[in-house]
Protein backbone atom coordinates (compact mmCIF):
# COMPACT_ATOMS: atom_id res chain seq x y z
CA UNK A 1 5.03 4.45 13.88
CA UNK A 2 4.64 8.11 13.13
CA UNK A 3 1.01 8.91 12.52
CA UNK A 4 1.70 10.77 9.28
CA UNK A 5 3.75 7.95 7.79
CA UNK A 6 1.23 5.36 8.90
CA UNK A 7 -1.61 7.28 7.26
CA UNK A 8 0.41 7.70 4.08
CA UNK A 9 1.14 3.96 3.90
CA UNK A 10 -2.48 3.05 4.57
CA UNK A 11 -3.54 5.55 1.92
CA UNK A 12 -1.19 3.87 -0.55
CA UNK A 13 -2.77 0.49 0.25
CA UNK A 14 -6.27 1.89 -0.23
CA UNK A 15 -5.31 3.59 -3.48
CA UNK A 16 -3.75 0.36 -4.72
CA UNK A 17 -6.82 -1.67 -3.79
CA UNK A 18 -9.03 0.83 -5.60
CA UNK A 19 -6.91 0.51 -8.74
CA UNK A 20 -6.96 -3.28 -8.50
CA UNK A 21 -10.74 -3.48 -8.12
CA UNK A 22 -11.30 -0.95 -10.91
CA UNK A 23 -8.94 -2.88 -13.17
CA UNK A 24 -10.82 -6.11 -12.49
CA UNK A 25 -14.19 -4.44 -13.09
CA UNK A 26 -13.25 -3.00 -16.48
CA UNK A 27 -10.99 -5.86 -17.54
CA UNK A 28 -7.83 -3.76 -17.52
CA UNK A 29 -5.04 -6.09 -16.41
CA UNK A 30 -2.44 -3.32 -16.43
CA UNK A 31 -4.40 -1.22 -13.96
CA UNK A 32 -5.03 -4.28 -11.81
CA UNK A 33 -1.30 -5.08 -11.69
CA UNK A 34 -0.41 -1.46 -10.88
CA UNK A 35 -2.86 -1.62 -7.99
CA UNK A 36 -1.31 -4.79 -6.64
CA UNK A 37 2.17 -3.30 -6.93
CA UNK A 38 1.08 -0.16 -5.09
CA UNK A 39 -0.40 -2.25 -2.29
CA UNK A 40 2.82 -4.26 -2.01
CA UNK A 41 4.85 -1.06 -1.80
CA UNK A 42 2.60 0.28 0.96
CA UNK A 43 2.83 -2.99 2.87
CA UNK A 44 6.63 -3.05 2.59
CA UNK A 45 6.96 0.52 3.83
CA UNK A 46 4.58 -0.20 6.68
CA UNK A 47 6.59 -3.29 7.69
CA UNK A 48 9.85 -1.37 7.55
CA UNK A 49 8.41 1.37 9.72
CA UNK A 50 7.23 -1.22 12.27
CA UNK A 51 10.74 -2.66 12.45
CA UNK A 52 12.19 0.81 13.00
CA UNK A 53 9.67 1.43 15.78
CA UNK A 54 10.45 -1.91 17.42
CA UNK A 55 14.16 -1.11 17.48
CA UNK A 56 13.53 2.27 19.07
CA UNK A 57 11.65 0.80 22.04
């Protein structure tokens, strides 16, 4: 996986986790759900990139 893309996907996961935890702490369900969605998007992109890398090698 390209280092830049990997870092971007990990950053998206971290950002999503931060939103989720903040949403839980303040009781904001909307923020919590946005955080979970962002983490899922980061995970999906990371998985897709791993498949691309596996096909290249």
